[in-house]
Amino acid sequence: MGKWDNKEEEKEEREENLPERSDRAKLARTRASLAELMNDPEDEFNQYVQQMPADVRLRVDRQHRRLKTGLKAGAILLCPGFVACKFKNHCTIPKRLVGGKIDPGKPEHYPIGLECVVERKHYEEQYIGYCSELFIDLDSITDRGAAQELATIDVLKRRAQIILSTGDHEGFGTDFMLTDKTYSDKAFDMDGDGSPLLIGTTTKVHPAVGVLDTLEKRRLKLLDSLMATREKKADYMAKISEHKRAGSDTQRLVDIVSATLNKMKEGTVIDVTAASEYEDDLKI
């Protein structure tokens, strides 16, 4: 009975030394240590949090959970209301009337000071889509961060596309071009209404075009990096599986040899011609 107890202990020790189990244990210890440091009751910030009114703390915790799960992004525009919005033609809150006119509705219909409805919805759709298609591990800050950045890139790309669709604040961009105007810096160079004298113009590609190109390159780089990480993880898991299988086969062989030696000690005669009963067990 003692021998079998030792074997079980040795088996548990081998399993604990597997890379997967070892990494999990190390991760658990790291998280526990960090949680203890961050929850230090003597820390001034923690004391401030503890003294928060219940409703305020609830709002803070709710926003923190949204940030943690990736459902909140800092790059989303804040709604300034219909009148001040630079992208009002693409807002989904106003009512479109016949003839291209827009009925903005009441000011309280707009989430002024909060996230833009259009960009917030678009971000959430993209984030959930990336998490689903790329099998994002929400417990992994690396995976979650990559999905957040991919969704944010899509939001910024859409904003740049809107600028190219309707033009920027000066009306440039619909033809992908921007015209820079150069004015005289001399005090006496004025036109008829007293404005600085225009002395030249320069046409170049609109910056929004370059922004789209940069964002798309960043998106593709992130996707490539994420897929490479997936491949490395798959190789790692395959090695762990192979390690487990090899350990199991080795243990089975040790058990067979031990059983044979015990029979020999007990004086049991082992017929070589009957060794075929061990043949299947010895196949690894």
C-alpha atoms as a PDB file:
ATOM      1  CA  MET A   1       0.000   0.000   0.000  1.00  0.00           C
ATOM      2  CA  GLY A   2       2.900   2.295   0.798  1.00  0.00           C
ATOM      3  CA  LYS A   3       4.438   1.747  -2.641  1.00  0.00           C
ATOM      4  CA  TRP A   4       1.240   2.817  -4.382  1.00  0.00           C
ATOM      5  CA  ASP A   5       1.029   5.907  -2.151  1.00  0.00           C
ATOM      6  CA  ASN A   6       4.551   6.862  -3.211  1.00  0.00           C
ATOM      7  CA  LYS A   7       3.633   6.362  -6.860  1.00  0.00           C
ATOM      8  CA  GLU A   8       0.619   8.637  -6.526  1.00  0.00           C
ATOM      9  CA  GLU A   9       2.749  11.308  -4.857  1.00  0.00           C
ATOM     10  CA  GLU A  10       5.369  11.039  -7.606  1.00  0.00           C
ATOM     11  CA  LYS A  11       2.626  11.316 -10.246  1.00  0.00           C
ATOM     12  CA  GLU A  12       1.165  14.453  -8.624  1.00  0.00           C
ATOM     13  CA  GLU A  13       4.655  15.962  -8.390  1.00  0.00           C
ATOM     14  CA  ARG A  14       5.264  15.328 -12.100  1.00  0.00           C
ATOM     15  CA  GLU A  15       1.911  16.918 -12.998  1.00  0.00           C
ATOM     16  CA  GLU A  16       2.690  19.963 -10.867  1.00  0.00           C
ATOM     17  CA  ASN A  17       5.966  20.390 -12.755  1.00  0.00           C
ATOM     18  CA  LEU A  18       4.252  20.504 -16.154  1.00  0.00           C
ATOM     19  CA  PRO A  19       4.677  23.916 -17.811  1.00  0.00           C
ATOM     20  CA  GLU A  20       0.940  24.595 -17.907  1.00  0.00           C
ATOM     21  CA  ARG A  21       0.364  23.845 -14.216  1.00  0.00           C
ATOM     22  CA  SER A  22       3.533  25.720 -13.230  1.00  0.00           C
ATOM     23  CA  ASP A  23       2.529  28.828 -15.201  1.00  0.00           C
ATOM     24  CA  ARG A  24      -0.960  28.783 -13.708  1.00  0.00           C
ATOM     25  CA  ALA A  25       0.401  28.572 -10.171  1.00  0.00           C
ATOM     26  CA  LYS A  26       2.890  31.377 -10.851  1.00  0.00           C
ATOM     27  CA  LEU A  27       0.152  33.543 -12.365  1.00  0.00           C
ATOM     28  CA  ALA A  28      -2.128  32.929  -9.369  1.00  0.00           C
ATOM     29  CA  ARG A  29       0.651  33.936  -6.951  1.00  0.00           C
ATOM     30  CA  THR A  30       1.438  37.071  -8.978  1.00  0.00           C
ATOM     31  CA  ARG A  31      -2.212  38.147  -9.048  1.00  0.00           C
ATOM     32  CA  ALA A  32      -2.580  37.523  -5.315  1.00  0.00           C
ATOM     33  CA  SER A  33       0.527  39.611  -4.546  1.00  0.00           C
ATOM     34  CA  LEU A  34      -0.599  42.472  -6.778  1.00  0.00           C
ATOM     35  CA  ALA A  35      -4.130  42.412  -5.340  1.00  0.00           C
ATOM     36  CA  GLU A  36      -2.669  42.645  -1.829  1.00  0.00           C
ATOM     37  CA  LEU A  37      -0.533  45.645  -2.835  1.00  0.00           C
ATOM     38  CA  MET A  38      -3.369  47.463  -4.605  1.00  0.00           C
ATOM     39  CA  ASN A  39      -5.808  46.885  -1.752  1.00  0.00           C
ATOM     40  CA  ASP A  40      -3.480  48.264   0.933  1.00  0.00           C
ATOM     41  CA  PRO A  41      -5.859  49.928   3.477  1.00  0.00           C
ATOM     42  CA  GLU A  42      -3.152  52.487   4.355  1.00  0.00           C
ATOM     43  CA  ASP A  43      -3.017  53.792   0.782  1.00  0.00           C
ATOM     44  CA  GLU A  44      -4.554  57.286   0.465  1.00  0.00           C
ATOM     45  CA  PHE A  45      -6.357  56.441  -2.768  1.00  0.00           C
ATOM     46  CA  ASN A  46      -7.946  53.305  -1.274  1.00  0.00           C
ATOM     47  CA  GLN A  47      -9.068  55.343   1.729  1.00  0.00           C
ATOM     48  CA  TYR A  48     -10.647  57.876  -0.642  1.00  0.00           C
ATOM     49  CA  VAL A  49     -12.488  55.095  -2.506  1.00  0.00           C
ATOM     50  CA  GLN A  50     -13.801  53.643   0.755  1.00  0.00           C
ATOM     51  CA  GLN A  51     -15.245  57.043   1.726  1.00  0.00           C
ATOM     52  CA  MET A  52     -17.079  57.521  -1.585  1.00  0.00           C
ATOM     53  CA  PRO A  53     -20.881  57.750  -1.443  1.00  0.00           C
ATOM     54  CA  ALA A  54     -22.449  54.420  -2.409  1.00  0.00           C
ATOM     55  CA  ASP A  55     -24.038  55.746  -5.632  1.00  0.00           C
ATOM     56  CA  VAL A  56     -20.788  57.379  -6.785  1.00  0.00           C
ATOM     57  CA  ARG A  57     -18.765  54.247  -6.094  1.00  0.00           C
ATOM     58  CA  LEU A  58     -21.317  52.175  -7.985  1.00  0.00           C
ATOM     59  CA  ARG A  59     -20.911  54.402 -11.069  1.00  0.00           C
ATOM     60  CA  VAL A  60     -17.114  54.218 -10.821  1.00  0.00           C
ATOM     61  CA  ASP A  61     -17.166  50.428 -10.514  1.00  0.00           C
ATOM     62  CA  ARG A  62     -19.560  50.152 -13.453  1.00  0.00           C
ATOM     63  CA  GLN A  63     -17.295  52.244 -15.691  1.00  0.00           C
ATOM     64  CA  HIS A  64     -14.258  50.266 -14.535  1.00  0.00           C
ATOM     65  CA  ARG A  65     -15.955  46.999 -15.511  1.00  0.00           C
ATOM     66  CA  ARG A  66     -16.709  48.420 -18.959  1.00  0.00           C
ATOM     67  CA  LEU A  67     -13.063  49.404 -19.357  1.00  0.00           C
ATOM     68  CA  LYS A  68     -11.917  45.995 -18.127  1.00  0.00           C
ATOM     69  CA  THR A  69     -14.103  44.091 -20.571  1.00  0.00           C
ATOM     70  CA  GLY A  70     -13.127  46.408 -23.425  1.00  0.00           C
ATOM     71  CA  LEU A  71     -16.628  47.779 -24.014  1.00  0.00           C
ATOM     72  CA  LYS A  72     -15.455  51.349 -23.418  1.00  0.00           C
ATOM     73  CA  ALA A  73     -12.916  53.266 -25.498  1.00  0.00           C
ATOM     74  CA  GLY A  74     -11.334  56.635 -24.845  1.00  0.00           C
ATOM     75  CA  ALA A  75     -11.095  57.533 -28.553  1.00  0.00           C
ATOM     76  CA  ILE A  76     -14.871  57.820 -29.021  1.00  0.00           C
ATOM     77  CA  LEU A  77     -16.110  61.378 -29.573  1.00  0.00           C
ATOM     78  CA  LEU A  78     -18.164  63.073 -26.881  1.00  0.00           C
ATOM     79  CA  CYS A  79     -21.505  64.425 -28.077  1.00  0.00           C
ATOM     80  CA  PRO A  80     -21.559  68.276 -28.197  1.00  0.00           C
ATOM     81  CA  GLY A  81     -25.196  68.438 -29.307  1.00  0.00           C
ATOM     82  CA  PHE A  82     -26.612  68.844 -32.813  1.00  0.00           C
ATOM     83  CA  VAL A  83     -25.633  72.483 -33.403  1.00  0.00           C
ATOM     84  CA  ALA A  84     -21.946  72.104 -32.482  1.00  0.00           C
ATOM     85  CA  CYS A  85     -21.430  68.644 -33.994  1.00  0.00           C
ATOM     86  CA  LYS A  86     -19.058  68.513 -36.982  1.00  0.00           C
ATOM     87  CA  PHE A  87     -20.533  65.195 -38.103  1.00  0.00           C
ATOM     88  CA  LYS A  88     -24.232  66.056 -37.729  1.00  0.00           C
ATOM     89  CA  ASN A  89     -25.002  64.883 -41.287  1.00  0.00           C
ATOM     90  CA  HIS A  90     -24.114  61.337 -40.206  1.00  0.00           C
ATOM     91  CA  CYS A  91     -25.858  61.406 -36.828  1.00  0.00           C
ATOM     92  CA  THR A  92     -28.692  58.895 -36.454  1.00  0.00           C
ATOM     93  CA  ILE A  93     -30.689  60.931 -33.893  1.00  0.00           C
ATOM     94  CA  PRO A  94     -32.122  63.721 -36.152  1.00  0.00           C
ATOM     95  CA  LYS A  95     -35.049  62.978 -38.436  1.00  0.00           C
ATOM     96  CA  ARG A  96     -34.467  63.183 -42.194  1.00  0.00           C
ATOM     97  CA  LEU A  97     -37.176  65.098 -44.034  1.00  0.00           C
ATOM     98  CA  VAL A  98     -38.131  65.297 -47.698  1.00  0.00           C
ATOM     99  CA  GLY A  99     -35.773  67.470 -49.722  1.00  0.00           C
ATOM    100  CA  GLY A 100     -32.698  66.691 -47.659  1.00  0.00           C
ATOM    101  CA  LYS A 101     -33.747  68.789 -44.685  1.00  0.00           C
ATOM    102  CA  ILE A 102     -33.037  67.640 -41.136  1.00  0.00           C
ATOM    103  CA  ASP A 103     -35.245  67.961 -38.060  1.00  0.00           C
ATOM    104  CA  PRO A 104     -32.772  67.921 -35.133  1.00  0.00           C
ATOM    105  CA  GLY A 105     -35.484  67.334 -32.544  1.00  0.00           C
ATOM    106  CA  LYS A 106     -35.142  68.372 -28.920  1.00  0.00           C
ATOM    107  CA  PRO A 107     -31.768  69.051 -27.246  1.00  0.00           C
ATOM    108  CA  GLU A 108     -32.533  66.434 -24.585  1.00  0.00           C
ATOM    109  CA  HIS A 109     -32.549  63.782 -27.299  1.00  0.00           C
ATOM    110  CA  TYR A 110     -28.757  64.056 -27.476  1.00  0.00           C
ATOM    111  CA  PRO A 111     -26.325  62.523 -24.942  1.00  0.00           C
ATOM    112  CA  ILE A 112     -24.431  65.803 -24.522  1.00  0.00           C
ATOM    113  CA  GLY A 113     -21.187  65.234 -22.649  1.00  0.00           C
ATOM    114  CA  LEU A 114     -21.468  61.466 -23.129  1.00  0.00           C
ATOM    115  CA  GLU A 115     -20.150  59.224 -25.885  1.00  0.00           C
ATOM    116  CA  CYS A 116     -21.374  59.731 -29.444  1.00  0.00           C
ATOM    117  CA  VAL A 117     -24.206  57.273 -30.134  1.00  0.00           C
ATOM    118  CA  VAL A 118     -22.965  56.380 -33.626  1.00  0.00           C
ATOM    119  CA  GLU A 119     -19.338  55.792 -32.670  1.00  0.00           C
ATOM    120  CA  ARG A 120     -20.215  54.001 -29.436  1.00  0.00           C
ATOM    121  CA  LYS A 121     -22.478  51.531 -31.259  1.00  0.00           C
ATOM    122  CA  HIS A 122     -19.918  51.012 -34.022  1.00  0.00           C
ATOM    123  CA  TYR A 123     -17.134  50.388 -31.502  1.00  0.00           C
ATOM    124  CA  GLU A 124     -19.180  47.817 -29.567  1.00  0.00           C
ATOM    125  CA  GLU A 125     -20.149  45.956 -32.748  1.00  0.00           C
ATOM    126  CA  GLN A 126     -16.532  45.809 -33.926  1.00  0.00           C
ATOM    127  CA  TYR A 127     -15.158  44.810 -30.516  1.00  0.00           C
ATOM    128  CA  ILE A 128     -17.663  41.989 -30.064  1.00  0.00           C
ATOM    129  CA  GLY A 129     -17.009  40.885 -33.647  1.00  0.00           C
ATOM    130  CA  TYR A 130     -13.244  40.711 -33.158  1.00  0.00           C
ATOM    131  CA  CYS A 131     -13.645  38.874 -29.851  1.00  0.00           C
ATOM    132  CA  SER A 132     -15.883  36.281 -31.534  1.00  0.00           C
ATOM    133  CA  GLU A 133     -13.920  35.761 -34.746  1.00  0.00           C
ATOM    134  CA  LEU A 134     -10.459  35.756 -33.155  1.00  0.00           C
ATOM    135  CA  PHE A 135     -11.493  33.732 -30.068  1.00  0.00           C
ATOM    136  CA  ILE A 136     -10.266  36.472 -27.742  1.00  0.00           C
ATOM    137  CA  ASP A 137      -9.533  35.357 -24.180  1.00  0.00           C
ATOM    138  CA  LEU A 138     -11.179  38.067 -22.053  1.00  0.00           C
ATOM    139  CA  ASP A 139      -9.021  37.022 -19.085  1.00  0.00           C
ATOM    140  CA  SER A 140      -5.906  37.887 -21.089  1.00  0.00           C
ATOM    141  CA  ILE A 141      -5.000  41.570 -20.997  1.00  0.00           C
ATOM    142  CA  THR A 142      -2.947  41.074 -24.190  1.00  0.00           C
ATOM    143  CA  ASP A 143      -5.836  39.559 -26.136  1.00  0.00           C
ATOM    144  CA  ARG A 144      -8.329  42.064 -24.782  1.00  0.00           C
ATOM    145  CA  GLY A 145      -6.048  45.001 -25.537  1.00  0.00           C
ATOM    146  CA  ALA A 146      -5.537  43.849 -29.128  1.00  0.00           C
ATOM    147  CA  ALA A 147      -9.297  43.575 -29.693  1.00  0.00           C
ATOM    148  CA  GLN A 148      -9.829  47.030 -28.149  1.00  0.00           C
ATOM    149  CA  GLU A 149      -7.232  48.600 -30.411  1.00  0.00           C
ATOM    150  CA  LEU A 150      -8.636  46.891 -33.517  1.00  0.00           C
ATOM    151  CA  ALA A 151     -12.131  48.186 -32.734  1.00  0.00           C
ATOM    152  CA  THR A 152     -10.769  51.675 -31.999  1.00  0.00           C
ATOM    153  CA  ILE A 153      -8.940  51.695 -35.334  1.00  0.00           C
ATOM    154  CA  ASP A 154     -12.210  50.883 -37.103  1.00  0.00           C
ATOM    155  CA  VAL A 155     -13.920  53.809 -35.338  1.00  0.00           C
ATOM    156  CA  LEU A 156     -11.139  56.225 -36.342  1.00  0.00           C
ATOM    157  CA  LYS A 157     -11.171  54.917 -39.911  1.00  0.00           C
ATOM    158  CA  ARG A 158     -14.889  55.554 -40.134  1.00  0.00           C
ATOM    159  CA  ARG A 159     -14.379  59.110 -38.854  1.00  0.00           C
ATOM    160  CA  ALA A 160     -11.730  59.743 -41.534  1.00  0.00           C
ATOM    161  CA  GLN A 161     -14.060  58.298 -44.169  1.00  0.00           C
ATOM    162  CA  ILE A 162     -16.816  60.702 -43.075  1.00  0.00           C
ATOM    163  CA  ILE A 163     -14.431  63.625 -43.544  1.00  0.00           C
ATOM    164  CA  LEU A 164     -13.669  62.440 -47.072  1.00  0.00           C
ATOM    165  CA  SER A 165     -17.389  61.953 -47.672  1.00  0.00           C
ATOM    166  CA  THR A 166     -18.683  65.369 -46.566  1.00  0.00           C
ATOM    167  CA  GLY A 167     -15.505  67.445 -46.359  1.00  0.00           C
ATOM    168  CA  ASP A 168     -13.700  68.958 -43.397  1.00  0.00           C
ATOM    169  CA  HIS A 169     -14.601  72.257 -41.657  1.00  0.00           C
ATOM    170  CA  GLU A 170     -13.339  74.166 -44.697  1.00  0.00           C
ATOM    171  CA  GLY A 171     -15.077  71.909 -47.188  1.00  0.00           C
ATOM    172  CA  PHE A 172     -11.959  70.066 -48.382  1.00  0.00           C
ATOM    173  CA  GLY A 173     -11.524  66.301 -48.678  1.00  0.00           C
ATOM    174  CA  THR A 174     -14.357  65.048 -50.891  1.00  0.00           C
ATOM    175  CA  ASP A 175     -11.953  64.828 -53.843  1.00  0.00           C
ATOM    176  CA  PHE A 176      -9.159  63.527 -51.549  1.00  0.00           C
ATOM    177  CA  MET A 177      -7.337  66.845 -51.962  1.00  0.00           C
ATOM    178  CA  LEU A 178      -6.597  69.811 -49.696  1.00  0.00           C
ATOM    179  CA  THR A 179      -5.772  73.335 -50.802  1.00  0.00           C
ATOM    180  CA  ASP A 180      -3.425  75.269 -48.550  1.00  0.00           C
ATOM    181  CA  LYS A 181      -3.666  79.042 -48.808  1.00  0.00           C
ATOM    182  CA  THR A 182      -0.654  81.271 -48.265  1.00  0.00           C
ATOM    183  CA  TYR A 183      -1.191  84.814 -47.043  1.00  0.00           C
ATOM    184  CA  SER A 184       1.215  87.707 -46.944  1.00  0.00           C
ATOM    185  CA  ASP A 185       2.761  88.355 -43.535  1.00  0.00           C
ATOM    186  CA  LYS A 186       3.393  92.006 -44.319  1.00  0.00           C
ATOM    187  CA  ALA A 187       1.224  94.442 -42.389  1.00  0.00           C
ATOM    188  CA  PHE A 188       0.495  96.663 -45.400  1.00  0.00           C
ATOM    189  CA  ASP A 189      -0.528  93.766 -47.716  1.00  0.00           C
ATOM    190  CA  MET A 190      -4.319  93.809 -47.335  1.00  0.00           C
ATOM    191  CA  ASP A 191      -7.164  93.160 -49.720  1.00  0.00           C
ATOM    192  CA  GLY A 192     -10.212  95.391 -50.127  1.00  0.00           C
ATOM    193  CA  ASP A 193     -11.981  94.344 -46.902  1.00  0.00           C
ATOM    194  CA  GLY A 194      -8.851  94.610 -44.753  1.00  0.00           C
ATOM    195  CA  SER A 195      -8.061  90.856 -44.670  1.00  0.00           C
ATOM    196  CA  PRO A 196      -4.519  89.521 -45.225  1.00  0.00           C
ATOM    197  CA  LEU A 197      -3.624  89.361 -48.915  1.00  0.00           C
ATOM    198  CA  LEU A 198      -3.758  85.887 -50.497  1.00  0.00           C
ATOM    199  CA  ILE A 199      -0.518  85.399 -52.420  1.00  0.00           C
ATOM    200  CA  GLY A 200      -0.714  81.719 -53.397  1.00  0.00           C
ATOM    201  CA  THR A 201      -2.273  78.283 -53.009  1.00  0.00           C
ATOM    202  CA  THR A 202      -0.861  74.743 -52.812  1.00  0.00           C
ATOM    203  CA  THR A 203      -2.863  71.586 -53.520  1.00  0.00           C
ATOM    204  CA  LYS A 204      -1.920  68.303 -51.838  1.00  0.00           C
ATOM    205  CA  VAL A 205      -3.462  65.018 -50.762  1.00  0.00           C
ATOM    206  CA  HIS A 206      -5.871  65.472 -47.850  1.00  0.00           C
ATOM    207  CA  PRO A 207      -4.432  64.322 -44.475  1.00  0.00           C
ATOM    208  CA  ALA A 208      -7.459  62.046 -43.939  1.00  0.00           C
ATOM    209  CA  VAL A 209      -6.204  59.871 -46.815  1.00  0.00           C
ATOM    210  CA  GLY A 210      -2.878  59.389 -45.036  1.00  0.00           C
ATOM    211  CA  VAL A 211      -4.658  58.696 -41.750  1.00  0.00           C
ATOM    212  CA  LEU A 212      -6.698  55.921 -43.393  1.00  0.00           C
ATOM    213  CA  ASP A 213      -3.555  54.350 -44.834  1.00  0.00           C
ATOM    214  CA  THR A 214      -1.719  54.503 -41.488  1.00  0.00           C
ATOM    215  CA  LEU A 215      -4.670  53.037 -39.567  1.00  0.00           C
ATOM    216  CA  GLU A 216      -5.127  50.178 -42.036  1.00  0.00           C
ATOM    217  CA  LYS A 217      -1.422  49.271 -41.852  1.00  0.00           C
ATOM    218  CA  ARG A 218      -1.651  49.299 -38.059  1.00  0.00           C
ATOM    219  CA  ARG A 219      -4.763  47.091 -38.179  1.00  0.00           C
ATOM    220  CA  LEU A 220      -3.101  44.513 -40.448  1.00  0.00           C
ATOM    221  CA  LYS A 221       0.035  44.501 -38.275  1.00  0.00           C
ATOM    222  CA  LEU A 222      -2.065  43.847 -35.180  1.00  0.00           C
ATOM    223  CA  LEU A 223      -3.924  41.009 -36.882  1.00  0.00           C
ATOM    224  CA  ASP A 224      -0.652  39.413 -38.020  1.00  0.00           C
ATOM    225  CA  SER A 225       0.776  39.728 -34.504  1.00  0.00           C
ATOM    226  CA  LEU A 226      -2.363  38.224 -32.985  1.00  0.00           C
ATOM    227  CA  MET A 227      -2.335  35.275 -35.393  1.00  0.00           C
ATOM    228  CA  ALA A 228       1.376  34.678 -34.695  1.00  0.00           C
ATOM    229  CA  THR A 229       0.568  34.609 -30.974  1.00  0.00           C
ATOM    230  CA  ARG A 230      -2.186  32.079 -31.666  1.00  0.00           C
ATOM    231  CA  GLU A 231       0.253  29.829 -33.550  1.00  0.00           C
ATOM    232  CA  LYS A 232       2.812  30.014 -30.738  1.00  0.00           C
ATOM    233  CA  LYS A 233       0.126  29.182 -28.200  1.00  0.00           C
ATOM    234  CA  ALA A 234      -1.010  26.209 -30.288  1.00  0.00           C
ATOM    235  CA  ASP A 235       2.590  24.923 -30.491  1.00  0.00           C
ATOM    236  CA  TYR A 236       2.972  25.400 -26.739  1.00  0.00           C
ATOM    237  CA  MET A 237      -0.205  23.430 -26.009  1.00  0.00           C
ATOM    238  CA  ALA A 238       0.908  20.693 -28.422  1.00  0.00           C
ATOM    239  CA  LYS A 239       4.212  20.371 -26.564  1.00  0.00           C
ATOM    240  CA  ILE A 240       2.376  20.181 -23.234  1.00  0.00           C
ATOM    241  CA  SER A 241       0.111  17.467 -24.625  1.00  0.00           C
ATOM    242  CA  GLU A 242       3.147  15.560 -25.904  1.00  0.00           C
ATOM    243  CA  HIS A 243       4.823  15.967 -22.531  1.00  0.00           C
ATOM    244  CA  LYS A 244       1.747  14.566 -20.766  1.00  0.00           C
ATOM    245  CA  ARG A 245       1.478  11.650 -23.187  1.00  0.00           C
ATOM    246  CA  ALA A 246       5.180  10.803 -22.832  1.00  0.00           C
ATOM    247  CA  GLY A 247       4.917  10.964 -19.055  1.00  0.00           C
ATOM    248  CA  SER A 248       1.862   8.700 -19.073  1.00  0.00           C
ATOM    249  CA  ASP A 249       3.539   6.132 -21.341  1.00  0.00           C
ATOM    250  CA  THR A 250       6.708   6.146 -19.252  1.00  0.00           C
ATOM    251  CA  GLN A 251       4.724   5.633 -16.055  1.00  0.00           C
ATOM    252  CA  ARG A 252       2.821   2.727 -17.638  1.00  0.00           C
ATOM    253  CA  LEU A 253       6.098   1.064 -18.597  1.00  0.00           C
ATOM    254  CA  VAL A 254       7.474   1.595 -15.067  1.00  0.00           C
ATOM    255  CA  ASP A 255       4.333  -0.034 -13.610  1.00  0.00           C
ATOM    256  CA  ILE A 256       4.679  -3.051 -15.892  1.00  0.00           C
ATOM    257  CA  VAL A 257       8.368  -3.531 -15.036  1.00  0.00           C
ATOM    258  CA  SER A 258       7.617  -3.115 -11.313  1.00  0.00           C
ATOM    259  CA  ALA A 259       4.839  -5.707 -11.498  1.00  0.00           C
ATOM    260  CA  THR A 260       7.186  -8.128 -13.298  1.00  0.00           C
ATOM    261  CA  LEU A 261       9.938  -7.662 -10.701  1.00  0.00           C
ATOM    262  CA  ASN A 262       7.454  -8.246  -7.872  1.00  0.00           C
ATOM    263  CA  LYS A 263       6.353 -11.521  -9.484  1.00  0.00           C
ATOM    264  CA  MET A 264       9.992 -12.591  -9.787  1.00  0.00           C
ATOM    265  CA  LYS A 265      10.609 -11.788  -6.096  1.00  0.00           C
ATOM    266  CA  GLU A 266       7.562 -13.827  -5.146  1.00  0.00           C
ATOM    267  CA  GLY A 267       8.983 -16.739  -7.096  1.00  0.00           C
ATOM    268  CA  THR A 268       6.274 -16.634  -9.743  1.00  0.00           C
ATOM    269  CA  VAL A 269       7.495 -18.266 -12.961  1.00  0.00           C
ATOM    270  CA  ILE A 270       6.979 -16.058 -16.001  1.00  0.00           C
ATOM    271  CA  ASP A 271       6.558 -18.096 -19.135  1.00  0.00           C
ATOM    272  CA  VAL A 272       8.390 -16.351 -21.977  1.00  0.00           C
ATOM    273  CA  THR A 273       6.023 -17.906 -24.484  1.00  0.00           C
ATOM    274  CA  ALA A 274       3.143 -16.194 -22.641  1.00  0.00           C
ATOM    275  CA  ALA A 275       4.784 -12.773 -22.809  1.00  0.00           C
ATOM    276  CA  SER A 276       2.344 -11.797 -25.533  1.00  0.00           C
ATOM    277  CA  GLU A 277      -0.041 -10.664 -22.787  1.00  0.00           C
ATOM    278  CA  TYR A 278       2.369  -7.778 -22.112  1.00  0.00           C
ATOM    279  CA  GLU A 279       2.909  -6.939 -25.755  1.00  0.00           C
ATOM    280  CA  ASP A 280       0.100  -4.430 -26.047  1.00  0.00           C
ATOM    281  CA  ASP A 281       1.084  -2.747 -22.782  1.00  0.00           C
ATOM    282  CA  LEU A 282       4.667  -2.316 -23.920  1.00  0.00           C
ATOM    283  CA  LYS A 283       3.695  -0.529 -27.132  1.00  0.00           C
ATOM    284  CA  ILE A 284       4.374   3.185 -26.743  1.00  0.00           C
END
